Amino acid sequence: MQIQRTIQTLDTPHLVIDLPASFAHQRVEVLVMTIDEAEPKLTKKRRIPPAHFAGQVKELGDVMSSVSAADWGQVE
C-alpha cells in the first residue's frame, strides 16, 4: 500500500491532485475531509512529582524478578 497525503487550501470547488507514476493502473481510495481546526501541537508537558516525594522511595531488591515473565508479556 502506498499513501499520498496532501493538505490543500481550496479557492474553488475543484481539486486536482498529481500522483506518482506508481499509482497508474491501480485502484485507489480517495477521502476528502475538511479540517475544522488547526492541527494540534505535539508538545507534551513533562510531569514533575511533588518535591515532598524526593527521597521517599527505597528499592529493596530486584523489582523485575518479583513478578513472573508471563505477567510482563514475555515467554519464559
PDB file of N, CA and C in Angstrom:
ATOM      1  N   MET A   1       0.846  -1.172   0.000  1.00  0.00           N
ATOM      2  CA  MET A   1       0.000   0.000   0.000  1.00  0.00           C
ATOM      3  C   MET A   1       0.889   1.231   0.000  1.00  0.00           C
ATOM      4  N   GLN A   2       0.523   2.179  -0.809  1.00  0.00           N
ATOM      5  CA  GLN A   2       1.213   3.459  -0.856  1.00  0.00           C
ATOM      6  C   GLN A   2       0.228   4.547  -0.440  1.00  0.00           C
ATOM      7  N   ILE A   3       0.729   5.578   0.185  1.00  0.00           N
ATOM      8  CA  ILE A   3      -0.135   6.673   0.630  1.00  0.00           C
ATOM      9  C   ILE A   3       0.426   7.985   0.133  1.00  0.00           C
ATOM     10  N   GLN A   4      -0.442   8.806  -0.396  1.00  0.00           N
ATOM     11  CA  GLN A   4      -0.087  10.164  -0.798  1.00  0.00           C
ATOM     12  C   GLN A   4      -0.971  11.095   0.020  1.00  0.00           C
ATOM     13  N   ARG A   5      -0.390  11.849   0.932  1.00  0.00           N
ATOM     14  CA  ARG A   5      -1.178  12.762   1.766  1.00  0.00           C
ATOM     15  C   ARG A   5      -0.818  14.186   1.396  1.00  0.00           C
ATOM     16  N   THR A   6      -1.838  14.997   1.232  1.00  0.00           N
ATOM     17  CA  THR A   6      -1.615  16.395   0.924  1.00  0.00           C
ATOM     18  C   THR A   6      -2.707  17.229   1.582  1.00  0.00           C
ATOM     19  N   ILE A   7      -2.351  18.401   2.052  1.00  0.00           N
ATOM     20  CA  ILE A   7      -3.330  19.328   2.606  1.00  0.00           C
ATOM     21  C   ILE A   7      -3.353  20.538   1.695  1.00  0.00           C
ATOM     22  N   GLN A   8      -4.517  20.853   1.185  1.00  0.00           N
ATOM     23  CA  GLN A   8      -4.681  21.939   0.232  1.00  0.00           C
ATOM     24  C   GLN A   8      -5.675  22.961   0.777  1.00  0.00           C
ATOM     25  N   THR A   9      -5.497  24.213   0.407  1.00  0.00           N
ATOM     26  CA  THR A   9      -6.491  25.243   0.681  1.00  0.00           C
ATOM     27  C   THR A   9      -7.192  25.529  -0.634  1.00  0.00           C
ATOM     28  N   LEU A  10      -8.504  25.339  -0.654  1.00  0.00           N
ATOM     29  CA  LEU A  10      -9.251  25.463  -1.901  1.00  0.00           C
ATOM     30  C   LEU A  10      -9.880  26.840  -2.041  1.00  0.00           C
ATOM     31  N   ASP A  11      -9.781  27.385  -3.257  1.00  0.00           N
ATOM     32  CA  ASP A  11     -10.460  28.631  -3.599  1.00  0.00           C
ATOM     33  C   ASP A  11     -11.664  28.376  -4.486  1.00  0.00           C
ATOM     34  N   THR A  12     -11.714  27.183  -5.064  1.00  0.00           N
ATOM     35  CA  THR A  12     -12.812  26.790  -5.947  1.00  0.00           C
ATOM     36  C   THR A  12     -13.284  25.407  -5.521  1.00  0.00           C
ATOM     37  N   PRO A  13     -14.406  24.932  -6.048  1.00  0.00           N
ATOM     38  CA  PRO A  13     -14.858  23.589  -5.693  1.00  0.00           C
ATOM     39  C   PRO A  13     -14.154  22.477  -6.475  1.00  0.00           C
ATOM     40  N   HIS A  14     -13.052  22.776  -7.138  1.00  0.00           N
ATOM     41  CA  HIS A  14     -12.326  21.782  -7.933  1.00  0.00           C
ATOM     42  C   HIS A  14     -10.964  21.524  -7.308  1.00  0.00           C
ATOM     43  N   LEU A  15     -10.540  20.256  -7.337  1.00  0.00           N
ATOM     44  CA  LEU A  15      -9.245  19.869  -6.802  1.00  0.00           C
ATOM     45  C   LEU A  15      -8.573  18.924  -7.777  1.00  0.00           C
ATOM     46  N   VAL A  16      -7.327  19.211  -8.121  1.00  0.00           N
ATOM     47  CA  VAL A  16      -6.542  18.339  -8.987  1.00  0.00           C
ATOM     48  C   VAL A  16      -5.326  17.890  -8.184  1.00  0.00           C
ATOM     49  N   ILE A  17      -5.115  16.579  -8.126  1.00  0.00           N
ATOM     50  CA  ILE A  17      -4.001  16.025  -7.357  1.00  0.00           C
ATOM     51  C   ILE A  17      -3.086  15.263  -8.308  1.00  0.00           C
ATOM     52  N   ASP A  18      -1.821  15.637  -8.346  1.00  0.00           N
ATOM     53  CA  ASP A  18      -0.832  14.900  -9.127  1.00  0.00           C
ATOM     54  C   ASP A  18      -0.308  13.757  -8.266  1.00  0.00           C
ATOM     55  N   LEU A  19      -0.355  12.552  -8.802  1.00  0.00           N
ATOM     56  CA  LEU A  19       0.078  11.368  -8.071  1.00  0.00           C
ATOM     57  C   LEU A  19       1.325  10.775  -8.708  1.00  0.00           C
ATOM     58  N   PRO A  20       2.092  10.001  -7.939  1.00  0.00           N
ATOM     59  CA  PRO A  20       3.273   9.343  -8.500  1.00  0.00           C
ATOM     60  C   PRO A  20       2.884   8.360  -9.600  1.00  0.00           C
ATOM     61  N   ALA A  21       3.811   8.094 -10.479  1.00  0.00           N
ATOM     62  CA  ALA A  21       3.566   7.176 -11.597  1.00  0.00           C
ATOM     63  C   ALA A  21       3.187   5.781 -11.112  1.00  0.00           C
ATOM     64  N   SER A  22       3.638   5.403  -9.925  1.00  0.00           N
ATOM     65  CA  SER A  22       3.336   4.068  -9.403  1.00  0.00           C
ATOM     66  C   SER A  22       1.852   3.886  -9.092  1.00  0.00           C
ATOM     67  N   PHE A  23       1.096   4.959  -9.041  1.00  0.00           N
ATOM     68  CA  PHE A  23      -0.342   4.871  -8.805  1.00  0.00           C
ATOM     69  C   PHE A  23      -1.110   4.548 -10.099  1.00  0.00           C
ATOM     70  N   ALA A  24      -0.472   4.681 -11.237  1.00  0.00           N
ATOM     71  CA  ALA A  24      -1.143   4.453 -12.521  1.00  0.00           C
ATOM     72  C   ALA A  24      -1.597   2.996 -12.624  1.00  0.00           C
ATOM     73  N   HIS A  25      -2.791   2.787 -13.170  1.00  0.00           N
ATOM     74  CA  HIS A  25      -3.380   1.468 -13.392  1.00  0.00           C
ATOM     75  C   HIS A  25      -3.621   0.718 -12.075  1.00  0.00           C
ATOM     76  N   GLN A  26      -3.880   1.447 -10.996  1.00  0.00           N
ATOM     77  CA  GLN A  26      -4.172   0.858  -9.689  1.00  0.00           C
ATOM     78  C   GLN A  26      -5.542   1.337  -9.223  1.00  0.00           C
ATOM     79  N   ARG A  27      -6.169   0.547  -8.367  1.00  0.00           N
ATOM     80  CA  ARG A  27      -7.388   1.011  -7.702  1.00  0.00           C
ATOM     81  C   ARG A  27      -6.952   1.891  -6.540  1.00  0.00           C
ATOM     82  N   VAL A  28      -7.618   3.023  -6.369  1.00  0.00           N
ATOM     83  CA  VAL A  28      -7.266   3.936  -5.282  1.00  0.00           C
ATOM     84  C   VAL A  28      -8.523   4.335  -4.527  1.00  0.00           C
ATOM     85  N   GLU A  29      -8.363   4.699  -3.286  1.00  0.00           N
ATOM     86  CA  GLU A  29      -9.445   5.228  -2.473  1.00  0.00           C
ATOM     87  C   GLU A  29      -9.130   6.694  -2.219  1.00  0.00           C
ATOM     88  N   VAL A  30     -10.116   7.546  -2.423  1.00  0.00           N
ATOM     89  CA  VAL A  30      -9.929   8.977  -2.238  1.00  0.00           C
ATOM     90  C   VAL A  30     -10.854   9.440  -1.118  1.00  0.00           C
ATOM     91  N   LEU A  31     -10.276  10.037  -0.087  1.00  0.00           N
ATOM     92  CA  LEU A  31     -11.035  10.606   1.018  1.00  0.00           C
ATOM     93  C   LEU A  31     -10.765  12.101   1.050  1.00  0.00           C
ATOM     94  N   VAL A  32     -11.819  12.890   1.135  1.00  0.00           N
ATOM     95  CA  VAL A  32     -11.668  14.339   1.224  1.00  0.00           C
ATOM     96  C   VAL A  32     -12.418  14.794   2.460  1.00  0.00           C
ATOM     97  N   MET A  33     -11.698  15.439   3.374  1.00  0.00           N
ATOM     98  CA  MET A  33     -12.296  15.907   4.624  1.00  0.00           C
ATOM     99  C   MET A  33     -11.886  17.355   4.851  1.00  0.00           C
ATOM    100  N   THR A  34     -12.771  18.116   5.460  1.00  0.00           N
ATOM    101  CA  THR A  34     -12.394  19.468   5.838  1.00  0.00           C
ATOM    102  C   THR A  34     -11.646  19.418   7.165  1.00  0.00           C
ATOM    103  N   ILE A  35     -10.760  20.359   7.344  1.00  0.00           N
ATOM    104  CA  ILE A  35     -10.031  20.485   8.599  1.00  0.00           C
ATOM    105  C   ILE A  35     -10.668  21.655   9.325  1.00  0.00           C
ATOM    106  N   ASP A  36     -11.413  21.349  10.371  1.00  0.00           N
ATOM    107  CA  ASP A  36     -12.170  22.373  11.071  1.00  0.00           C
ATOM    108  C   ASP A  36     -11.326  23.183  12.043  1.00  0.00           C
ATOM    109  N   GLU A  37     -10.229  22.627  12.485  1.00  0.00           N
ATOM    110  CA  GLU A  37      -9.404  23.316  13.453  1.00  0.00           C
ATOM    111  C   GLU A  37      -7.940  23.100  13.110  1.00  0.00           C
ATOM    112  N   ALA A  38      -7.097  23.925  13.675  1.00  0.00           N
ATOM    113  CA  ALA A  38      -5.669  23.787  13.425  1.00  0.00           C
ATOM    114  C   ALA A  38      -5.183  22.449  13.976  1.00  0.00           C
ATOM    115  N   GLU A  39      -4.156  21.914  13.360  1.00  0.00           N
ATOM    116  CA  GLU A  39      -3.597  20.651  13.829  1.00  0.00           C
ATOM    117  C   GLU A  39      -3.036  20.847  15.234  1.00  0.00           C
ATOM    118  N   PRO A  40      -3.282  19.893  16.119  1.00  0.00           N
ATOM    119  CA  PRO A  40      -2.777  20.044  17.486  1.00  0.00           C
ATOM    120  C   PRO A  40      -1.257  19.996  17.521  1.00  0.00           C
ATOM    121  N   LYS A  41      -0.698  20.774  18.408  1.00  0.00           N
ATOM    122  CA  LYS A  41       0.748  20.758  18.568  1.00  0.00           C
ATOM    123  C   LYS A  41       1.118  19.533  19.384  1.00  0.00           C
ATOM    124  N   LEU A  42       2.214  18.913  19.039  1.00  0.00           N
ATOM    125  CA  LEU A  42       2.618  17.672  19.664  1.00  0.00           C
ATOM    126  C   LEU A  42       3.511  17.898  20.881  1.00  0.00           C
ATOM    127  N   THR A  43       3.430  19.068  21.468  1.00  0.00           N
ATOM    128  CA  THR A  43       4.229  19.333  22.655  1.00  0.00           C
ATOM    129  C   THR A  43       3.569  18.660  23.847  1.00  0.00           C
ATOM    130  N   LYS A  44       4.338  17.901  24.556  1.00  0.00           N
ATOM    131  CA  LYS A  44       3.838  17.176  25.702  1.00  0.00           C
ATOM    132  C   LYS A  44       4.488  17.770  26.944  1.00  0.00           C
ATOM    133  N   LYS A  45       3.671  18.214  27.870  1.00  0.00           N
ATOM    134  CA  LYS A  45       4.205  18.790  29.080  1.00  0.00           C
ATOM    135  C   LYS A  45       4.734  17.669  29.973  1.00  0.00           C
ATOM    136  N   ARG A  46       5.950  17.823  30.408  1.00  0.00           N
ATOM    137  CA  ARG A  46       6.547  16.809  31.263  1.00  0.00           C
ATOM    138  C   ARG A  46       6.002  16.945  32.673  1.00  0.00           C
ATOM    139  N   ARG A  47       5.580  15.815  33.213  1.00  0.00           N
ATOM    140  CA  ARG A  47       5.042  15.806  34.562  1.00  0.00           C
ATOM    141  C   ARG A  47       6.188  15.722  35.565  1.00  0.00           C
ATOM    142  N   ILE A  48       6.078  16.474  36.645  1.00  0.00           N
ATOM    143  CA  ILE A  48       7.105  16.509  37.682  1.00  0.00           C
ATOM    144  C   ILE A  48       6.449  16.126  39.004  1.00  0.00           C
ATOM    145  N   PRO A  49       7.026  15.155  39.727  1.00  0.00           N
ATOM    146  CA  PRO A  49       6.433  14.763  41.002  1.00  0.00           C
ATOM    147  C   PRO A  49       6.605  15.868  42.044  1.00  0.00           C
ATOM    148  N   PRO A  50       5.733  15.905  43.037  1.00  0.00           N
ATOM    149  CA  PRO A  50       5.863  16.901  44.095  1.00  0.00           C
ATOM    150  C   PRO A  50       7.208  16.768  44.818  1.00  0.00           C
ATOM    151  N   ALA A  51       7.750  17.869  45.234  1.00  0.00           N
ATOM    152  CA  ALA A  51       9.063  17.887  45.877  1.00  0.00           C
ATOM    153  C   ALA A  51       9.087  17.070  47.163  1.00  0.00           C
ATOM    154  N   HIS A  52       7.977  16.978  47.878  1.00  0.00           N
ATOM    155  CA  HIS A  52       7.985  16.240  49.142  1.00  0.00           C
ATOM    156  C   HIS A  52       8.108  14.721  48.940  1.00  0.00           C
ATOM    157  N   PHE A  53       8.032  14.240  47.701  1.00  0.00           N
ATOM    158  CA  PHE A  53       8.248  12.827  47.419  1.00  0.00           C
ATOM    159  C   PHE A  53       9.735  12.484  47.300  1.00  0.00           C
ATOM    160  N   ALA A  54      10.580  13.475  47.142  1.00  0.00           N
ATOM    161  CA  ALA A  54      12.010  13.244  46.932  1.00  0.00           C
ATOM    162  C   ALA A  54      12.601  12.479  48.099  1.00  0.00           C
ATOM    163  N   GLY A  55      13.312  11.389  47.798  1.00  0.00           N
ATOM    164  CA  GLY A  55      13.970  10.583  48.809  1.00  0.00           C
ATOM    165  C   GLY A  55      13.054   9.659  49.587  1.00  0.00           C
ATOM    166  N   GLN A  56      11.797   9.557  49.229  1.00  0.00           N
ATOM    167  CA  GLN A  56      10.844   8.746  49.973  1.00  0.00           C
ATOM    168  C   GLN A  56      10.762   7.302  49.491  1.00  0.00           C
ATOM    169  N   VAL A  57      11.283   7.010  48.312  1.00  0.00           N
ATOM    170  CA  VAL A  57      11.180   5.663  47.753  1.00  0.00           C
ATOM    171  C   VAL A  57      12.508   4.946  47.922  1.00  0.00           C
ATOM    172  N   LYS A  58      12.450   3.721  48.433  1.00  0.00           N
ATOM    173  CA  LYS A  58      13.644   2.901  48.586  1.00  0.00           C
ATOM    174  C   LYS A  58      13.410   1.591  47.861  1.00  0.00           C
ATOM    175  N   GLU A  59      14.346   1.232  47.008  1.00  0.00           N
ATOM    176  CA  GLU A  59      14.245  -0.019  46.260  1.00  0.00           C
ATOM    177  C   GLU A  59      14.869  -1.120  47.102  1.00  0.00           C
ATOM    178  N   LEU A  60      14.096  -2.137  47.398  1.00  0.00           N
ATOM    179  CA  LEU A  60      14.546  -3.202  48.287  1.00  0.00           C
ATOM    180  C   LEU A  60      14.786  -4.507  47.539  1.00  0.00           C
ATOM    181  N   GLY A  61      15.598  -4.481  46.518  1.00  0.00           N
ATOM    182  CA  GLY A  61      15.900  -5.702  45.781  1.00  0.00           C
ATOM    183  C   GLY A  61      15.553  -5.558  44.306  1.00  0.00           C
ATOM    184  N   ASP A  62      15.524  -6.691  43.631  1.00  0.00           N
ATOM    185  CA  ASP A  62      15.267  -6.725  42.192  1.00  0.00           C
ATOM    186  C   ASP A  62      13.759  -6.696  41.946  1.00  0.00           C
ATOM    187  N   VAL A  63      13.252  -5.542  41.539  1.00  0.00           N
ATOM    188  CA  VAL A  63      11.810  -5.395  41.330  1.00  0.00           C
ATOM    189  C   VAL A  63      11.328  -6.139  40.090  1.00  0.00           C
ATOM    190  N   MET A  64      12.188  -6.378  39.125  1.00  0.00           N
ATOM    191  CA  MET A  64      11.777  -7.053  37.893  1.00  0.00           C
ATOM    192  C   MET A  64      11.536  -8.549  38.121  1.00  0.00           C
ATOM    193  N   SER A  65      12.302  -9.158  38.995  1.00  0.00           N
ATOM    194  CA  SER A  65      12.137 -10.603  39.201  1.00  0.00           C
ATOM    195  C   SER A  65      11.032 -10.921  40.206  1.00  0.00           C
ATOM    196  N   SER A  66      10.425  -9.909  40.798  1.00  0.00           N
ATOM    197  CA  SER A  66       9.362 -10.157  41.766  1.00  0.00           C
ATOM    198  C   SER A  66       8.064 -10.606  41.097  1.00  0.00           C
ATOM    199  N   VAL A  67       7.987 -10.467  39.781  1.00  0.00           N
ATOM    200  CA  VAL A  67       6.810 -10.874  39.014  1.00  0.00           C
ATOM    201  C   VAL A  67       7.288 -11.804  37.912  1.00  0.00           C
ATOM    202  N   SER A  68       6.491 -12.825  37.599  1.00  0.00           N
ATOM    203  CA  SER A  68       6.905 -13.779  36.570  1.00  0.00           C
ATOM    204  C   SER A  68       6.966 -13.110  35.197  1.00  0.00           C
ATOM    205  N   ALA A  69       7.794 -13.667  34.333  1.00  0.00           N
ATOM    206  CA  ALA A  69       7.969 -13.121  32.984  1.00  0.00           C
ATOM    207  C   ALA A  69       6.658 -13.148  32.201  1.00  0.00           C
ATOM    208  N   ALA A  70       5.786 -14.127  32.479  1.00  0.00           N
ATOM    209  CA  ALA A  70       4.499 -14.210  31.785  1.00  0.00           C
ATOM    210  C   ALA A  70       3.628 -13.000  32.098  1.00  0.00           C
ATOM    211  N   ASP A  71       3.740 -12.480  33.326  1.00  0.00           N
ATOM    212  CA  ASP A  71       2.961 -11.288  33.692  1.00  0.00           C
ATOM    213  C   ASP A  71       3.446 -10.043  32.958  1.00  0.00           C
ATOM    214  N   TRP A  72       4.685 -10.033  32.514  1.00  0.00           N
ATOM    215  CA  TRP A  72       5.225  -8.920  31.746  1.00  0.00           C
ATOM    216  C   TRP A  72       4.950  -9.097  30.252  1.00  0.00           C
ATOM    217  N   GLY A  73       4.308 -10.201  29.870  1.00  0.00           N
ATOM    218  CA  GLY A  73       4.015 -10.449  28.464  1.00  0.00           C
ATOM    219  C   GLY A  73       5.176 -11.133  27.761  1.00  0.00           C
ATOM    220  N   GLN A  74       6.102 -11.676  28.516  1.00  0.00           N
ATOM    221  CA  GLN A  74       7.261 -12.357  27.931  1.00  0.00           C
ATOM    222  C   GLN A  74       7.127 -13.842  28.153  1.00  0.00           C
ATOM    223  N   VAL A  75       7.716 -14.606  27.280  1.00  0.00           N
ATOM    224  CA  VAL A  75       7.696 -16.064  27.402  1.00  0.00           C
ATOM    225  C   VAL A  75       8.935 -16.486  28.174  1.00  0.00           C
ATOM    226  N   GLU A  76       8.765 -17.340  29.132  1.00  0.00           N
ATOM    227  CA  GLU A  76       9.908 -17.809  29.937  1.00  0.00           C
ATOM    228  C   GLU A  76      10.736 -18.808  29.169  1.00  0.00           C
TER     229      GLU A  76
END
